[in-house]
Protein backbone atom coordinates (compact mmCIF):
# COMPACT_ATOMS: atom_id res chain seq x y z
CA MET A 1 7.31 32.85 -13.76
CA LEU A 2 4.58 35.51 -13.85
CA THR A 3 2.86 33.63 -16.68
CA VAL A 4 2.89 30.42 -14.63
CA ILE A 5 1.41 32.23 -11.60
CA ILE A 6 -1.40 33.76 -13.68
CA VAL A 7 -2.22 30.47 -15.41
CA LEU A 8 -2.26 28.61 -12.08
CA ALA A 9 -4.58 31.26 -10.60
CA ILE A 10 -7.02 30.82 -13.50
CA ALA A 11 -6.72 27.05 -13.25
CA GLY A 12 -7.42 27.23 -9.51
CA LEU A 13 -10.59 29.24 -10.14
CA LEU A 14 -11.88 26.73 -12.70
CA ALA A 15 -10.91 23.69 -10.63
CA SER A 16 -12.49 24.95 -7.40
CA LEU A 17 -15.63 26.13 -9.18
CA THR A 18 -16.18 22.73 -10.75
CA THR A 19 -15.18 20.70 -7.68
CA ALA A 20 -17.38 22.67 -5.27
CA THR A 21 -20.33 22.50 -7.66
CA LEU A 22 -20.18 18.85 -8.69
CA GLY A 23 -17.36 17.20 -6.77
CA VAL A 24 -15.65 16.26 -10.05
CA GLY A 25 -14.15 17.68 -13.21
CA GLY A 26 -11.57 20.06 -11.75
CA GLY A 27 -8.51 18.12 -12.84
CA LEU A 28 -10.03 16.92 -16.09
CA LEU A 29 -10.85 20.49 -17.14
CA VAL A 30 -7.63 22.08 -15.90
CA MET A 31 -4.97 19.56 -16.95
CA PRO A 32 -5.69 19.75 -20.73
CA MET A 33 -5.58 23.55 -20.55
CA LEU A 34 -2.24 23.57 -18.75
CA ALA A 35 -0.82 20.91 -21.09
CA LEU A 36 -1.19 23.42 -23.91
CA PHE A 37 1.31 25.75 -22.20
CA PHE A 38 3.71 23.55 -20.27
CA PRO A 39 5.41 20.10 -20.50
CA ALA A 40 3.41 17.25 -18.96
CA ARG A 41 5.91 16.56 -16.15
CA LEU A 42 5.99 20.23 -15.15
CA VAL A 43 2.19 20.38 -15.15
CA ILE A 44 1.87 17.38 -12.84
CA ALA A 45 4.30 18.77 -10.25
CA SER A 46 3.46 22.47 -10.42
CA THR A 47 -0.29 21.93 -10.05
CA LEU A 48 -0.05 19.76 -6.93
CA PRO A 49 0.07 22.67 -4.45
CA MET A 50 -2.83 24.33 -6.28
CA PHE A 51 -4.90 21.14 -6.17
CA LEU A 52 -4.06 20.69 -2.48
CA ALA A 53 -5.31 24.21 -1.74
CA ASN A 54 -8.44 23.44 -3.75
CA ALA A 55 -9.01 20.22 -1.77
CA VAL A 56 -8.52 21.98 1.58
CA VAL A 57 -10.96 24.79 0.75
CA THR A 58 -13.61 22.50 -0.75
CA PHE A 59 -13.35 19.97 2.07
CA TRP A 60 -13.72 22.75 4.65
CA ILE A 61 -16.93 23.91 2.97
CA TYR A 62 -18.34 20.35 2.83
CA ARG A 63 -16.60 19.02 5.97
CA ARG A 64 -19.85 17.82 7.54
CA THR A 65 -20.88 15.78 4.48
CA PHE A 66 -18.10 13.34 3.59
CA LYS A 67 -19.21 10.13 5.34
CA THR A 68 -19.98 7.84 2.42
CA VAL A 69 -19.24 4.12 2.68
CA ARG A 70 -17.54 3.84 -0.70
CA VAL A 71 -15.01 6.58 0.13
CA PHE A 72 -13.48 4.44 2.89
CA TRP A 73 -13.46 1.36 0.66
CA VAL A 74 -11.10 3.06 -1.79
CA LEU A 75 -8.66 4.73 0.61
CA PRO A 76 -6.15 1.83 1.03
CA GLY A 77 -5.93 1.20 -2.71
CA VAL A 78 -5.54 4.90 -3.47
CA ILE A 79 -2.63 5.19 -1.05
CA LEU A 80 -0.83 2.16 -2.51
CA GLY A 81 -1.50 3.34 -6.05
CA ILE A 82 -0.06 6.81 -5.43
CA ILE A 83 3.11 5.38 -3.91
CA ALA A 84 3.56 3.11 -6.93
CA GLY A 85 2.61 5.84 -9.39
CA THR A 86 5.17 8.27 -7.99
CA GLY A 87 7.92 5.79 -8.80
CA ILE A 88 6.57 5.40 -12.33
CA VAL A 89 6.23 9.12 -13.13
CA ALA A 90 9.83 9.75 -12.11
CA HIS A 91 11.01 7.54 -14.98
CA LEU A 92 8.52 8.30 -17.78
CA SER A 93 9.35 10.68 -20.62
CA GLY A 94 7.07 13.59 -21.46
CA GLU A 95 5.80 11.84 -24.58
CA LEU A 96 4.92 8.68 -22.65
CA LEU A 97 3.08 10.79 -20.06
CA ARG A 98 0.97 12.32 -22.84
CA MET A 99 0.18 8.85 -24.19
CA VAL A 100 -0.86 7.75 -20.71
CA ILE A 101 -3.13 10.80 -20.35
CA GLY A 102 -4.75 9.96 -23.70
CA GLY A 103 -5.31 6.36 -22.61
CA VAL A 104 -6.78 7.53 -19.32
CA ALA A 105 -9.21 9.76 -21.23
CA VAL A 106 -10.48 6.82 -23.27
CA PHE A 107 -10.88 4.69 -20.14
CA PHE A 108 -12.74 7.52 -18.40
CA LEU A 109 -15.13 7.80 -21.31
CA LEU A 110 -15.89 4.08 -21.48
CA PHE A 111 -16.22 3.81 -17.70
CA THR A 112 -18.63 6.75 -17.68
CA LEU A 113 -20.77 5.15 -20.39
CA VAL A 114 -21.02 1.94 -18.35
CA SER A 115 -21.89 3.99 -15.26
CA GLY A 116 -24.66 5.73 -17.20
CA LEU A 117 -26.13 2.41 -18.30
CA LEU A 118 -26.13 1.14 -14.72
CA LEU A 119 -27.73 4.36 -13.52
CA ARG A 120 -30.55 4.03 -16.05
CA LYS A 121 -31.27 0.54 -14.70
CA ASN A 122 -31.02 1.69 -11.06
CA MET A 123 -27.97 -0.52 -10.62
CA SER A 124 -24.52 0.26 -9.22
CA PHE A 125 -21.02 -1.18 -9.05
CA PRO A 126 -20.56 -3.64 -6.16
CA LEU A 127 -18.40 -2.47 -3.27
CA TRP A 128 -15.47 -4.80 -4.11
CA VAL A 129 -14.93 -3.01 -7.44
CA GLY A 130 -13.53 -0.10 -5.44
CA VAL A 131 -10.46 -2.11 -4.40
CA PRO A 132 -8.82 -2.62 -7.83
CA LEU A 133 -10.31 0.60 -9.17
CA SER A 134 -8.77 2.64 -6.36
CA MET A 135 -5.29 1.25 -7.02
CA VAL A 136 -5.59 2.17 -10.70
CA ALA A 137 -6.91 5.61 -9.73
CA GLY A 138 -3.97 6.17 -7.38
CA ILE A 139 -1.45 5.34 -10.10
CA VAL A 140 -3.30 7.46 -12.67
CA SER A 141 -3.48 10.34 -10.20
CA SER A 142 0.30 10.30 -9.84
CA LEU A 143 0.73 10.26 -13.62
CA SER A 144 -1.77 12.96 -14.49
CA ASN A 145 -3.46 14.50 -11.39
CA ILE A 146 -6.86 13.33 -12.66
CA GLY A 147 -7.19 9.93 -11.03
CA GLY A 148 -9.65 11.13 -8.41
CA THR A 149 -12.32 11.73 -11.01
CA LEU A 150 -12.01 8.10 -12.09
CA LEU A 151 -13.51 7.15 -8.73
CA SER A 152 -16.50 9.51 -9.03
CA PRO A 153 -18.92 7.11 -10.82
CA TYR A 154 -18.12 4.49 -8.15
CA VAL A 155 -18.65 6.90 -5.24
CA LEU A 156 -21.73 8.30 -6.97
CA ALA A 157 -23.31 4.84 -6.83
CA ASP A 158 -23.51 5.14 -3.03
CA GLN A 159 -26.88 6.87 -3.51
CA ALA A 160 -25.91 9.53 -0.98
CA PRO A 161 -27.33 13.07 -1.25
CA PRO A 162 -25.38 15.32 -3.66
CA ALA A 163 -23.74 17.31 -0.84
CA TYR A 164 -22.42 14.07 0.66
CA PHE A 165 -21.00 13.05 -2.71
CA VAL A 166 -19.14 16.37 -3.03
CA GLY A 167 -17.95 16.06 0.56
CA GLY A 168 -16.73 12.52 0.00
CA MET A 169 -14.90 13.42 -3.20
CA SER A 170 -13.29 16.49 -1.61
CA PHE A 171 -12.08 14.26 1.24
CA LEU A 172 -10.53 11.88 -1.29
CA TYR A 173 -8.87 14.76 -3.14
CA LEU A 174 -7.45 16.04 0.14
CA VAL A 175 -5.92 12.67 1.00
CA MET A 176 -4.62 12.09 -2.53
CA THR A 177 -3.04 15.49 -3.06
CA GLY A 178 -1.57 15.59 0.43
CA LEU A 179 0.03 12.18 -0.06
CA LYS A 180 1.32 13.13 -3.53
CA MET A 181 2.90 16.28 -2.11
CA LEU A 182 4.84 14.03 0.27
CA THR A 183 5.83 11.32 -2.23
CA PHE A 184 6.70 13.80 -4.99
CA SER A 185 8.89 15.78 -2.58
CA ILE A 186 10.74 12.63 -1.51
CA ALA A 187 11.21 11.64 -5.18
CA GLY A 188 12.58 15.08 -6.03
CA LEU A 189 9.70 15.88 -8.39
CA LEU A 190 8.29 18.77 -6.35
CA HIS A 191 10.28 21.85 -5.31
CA TRP A 192 9.66 24.84 -3.08
CA GLN A 193 9.22 27.22 -6.03
CA ASP A 194 6.23 25.15 -7.15
CA ILE A 195 4.56 25.87 -3.83
CA TRP A 196 5.33 29.60 -3.91
CA MET A 197 3.99 29.95 -7.45
CA SER A 198 0.69 28.40 -6.36
CA LEU A 199 0.08 30.74 -3.42
CA PRO A 200 -1.66 33.49 -5.47
CA SER A 201 -4.18 30.89 -6.69
CA VAL A 202 -5.53 30.46 -3.13
CA LEU A 203 -7.65 33.61 -3.51
CA THR A 204 -9.16 32.49 -6.82
CA ILE A 205 -9.75 29.01 -5.35
CA ILE A 206 -11.75 30.49 -2.46
CA ILE A 207 -13.80 32.59 -4.89
CA GLY A 208 -14.44 29.59 -7.14
CA ALA A 209 -15.32 27.30 -4.22
CA ARG A 210 -17.84 29.72 -2.74
CA THR A 211 -19.42 30.28 -6.14
CA GLY A 212 -19.52 26.52 -6.69
CA GLN A 213 -21.20 26.01 -3.33
CA TYR A 214 -23.95 28.41 -4.42
CA LEU A 215 -24.37 26.70 -7.81
CA HIS A 216 -24.45 23.27 -6.15
CA LYS A 217 -27.59 24.22 -4.27
CA LYS A 218 -29.28 25.20 -7.53
CA ILE A 219 -28.93 21.76 -9.16
CA ARG A 220 -31.98 19.56 -8.69
CA VAL A 221 -31.19 16.24 -7.02
CA ILE A 222 -32.93 14.28 -9.77
CA TYR A 223 -30.47 15.62 -12.35
CA PHE A 224 -27.31 15.74 -10.24
CA ARG A 225 -25.90 12.29 -11.08
CA TRP A 226 -26.49 12.78 -14.79
CA VAL A 227 -24.76 16.16 -14.71
CA VAL A 228 -21.74 14.60 -12.98
CA LEU A 229 -21.47 11.80 -15.53
CA GLY A 230 -21.90 14.30 -18.35
CA VAL A 231 -19.06 16.48 -17.07
CA VAL A 232 -16.76 13.47 -16.76
CA ALA A 233 -17.62 12.34 -20.30
CA VAL A 234 -17.11 15.78 -21.88
CA SER A 235 -13.90 16.34 -19.95
CA SER A 236 -12.60 12.96 -21.13
CA VAL A 237 -13.10 14.00 -24.74
CA LEU A 238 -11.31 17.30 -24.10
CA LEU A 239 -8.46 15.47 -22.41
CA LEU A 240 -8.11 13.06 -25.33
CA SER A 241 -8.15 15.82 -27.96
CA SER A 242 -5.57 17.95 -26.16
CA ARG A 243 -3.01 15.35 -25.28
């Protein structure tokens, strides 16, 4: 148990640092690392309280900057996708979960490449794309805790200032992790010991979030979107190689 607590504390530091800096990458960087130590199903459940704490802290820091149009477009689909995904994860074997994570990584990479091409041409995904994409993201989030990042290129296309992007993504993470805590508890996938083991990570999450807030201010606006897409692409490769 001590090993799990220490690993979760380190994971919380990395996740909050990345999320508060860029608004993305926390789950994609943390999940492959944890998958090296624990079974996929255990990772998904045991990290939920840690990710919820990360979402609460990050959203509080950026609470005044989450009003982006695209965030509200994806909320209904995300909710439906998480409900459906919870039912799926309860019946998948560990090996199938790893295959799903690998497939998600490939999709992330391709989606990021398309997003980069659109960004170069000053184009963006139309608003309606968020409806089917959000349902897929909700299901993927339930299967791997990394579905929120799938929405980042879509939200990024809103052309909002970087702080508003981070605020919008942290709001989405808060809704998604809070809902998954509820659905996973009802499905018997999340237990009280998972919550207690995540409590020590709150301190490292606060440290990481405050550091990330400082680093966020140092990134020039002109480079911000490219840095976000780069992190998603690199994390996708890491996720694929570690599945």
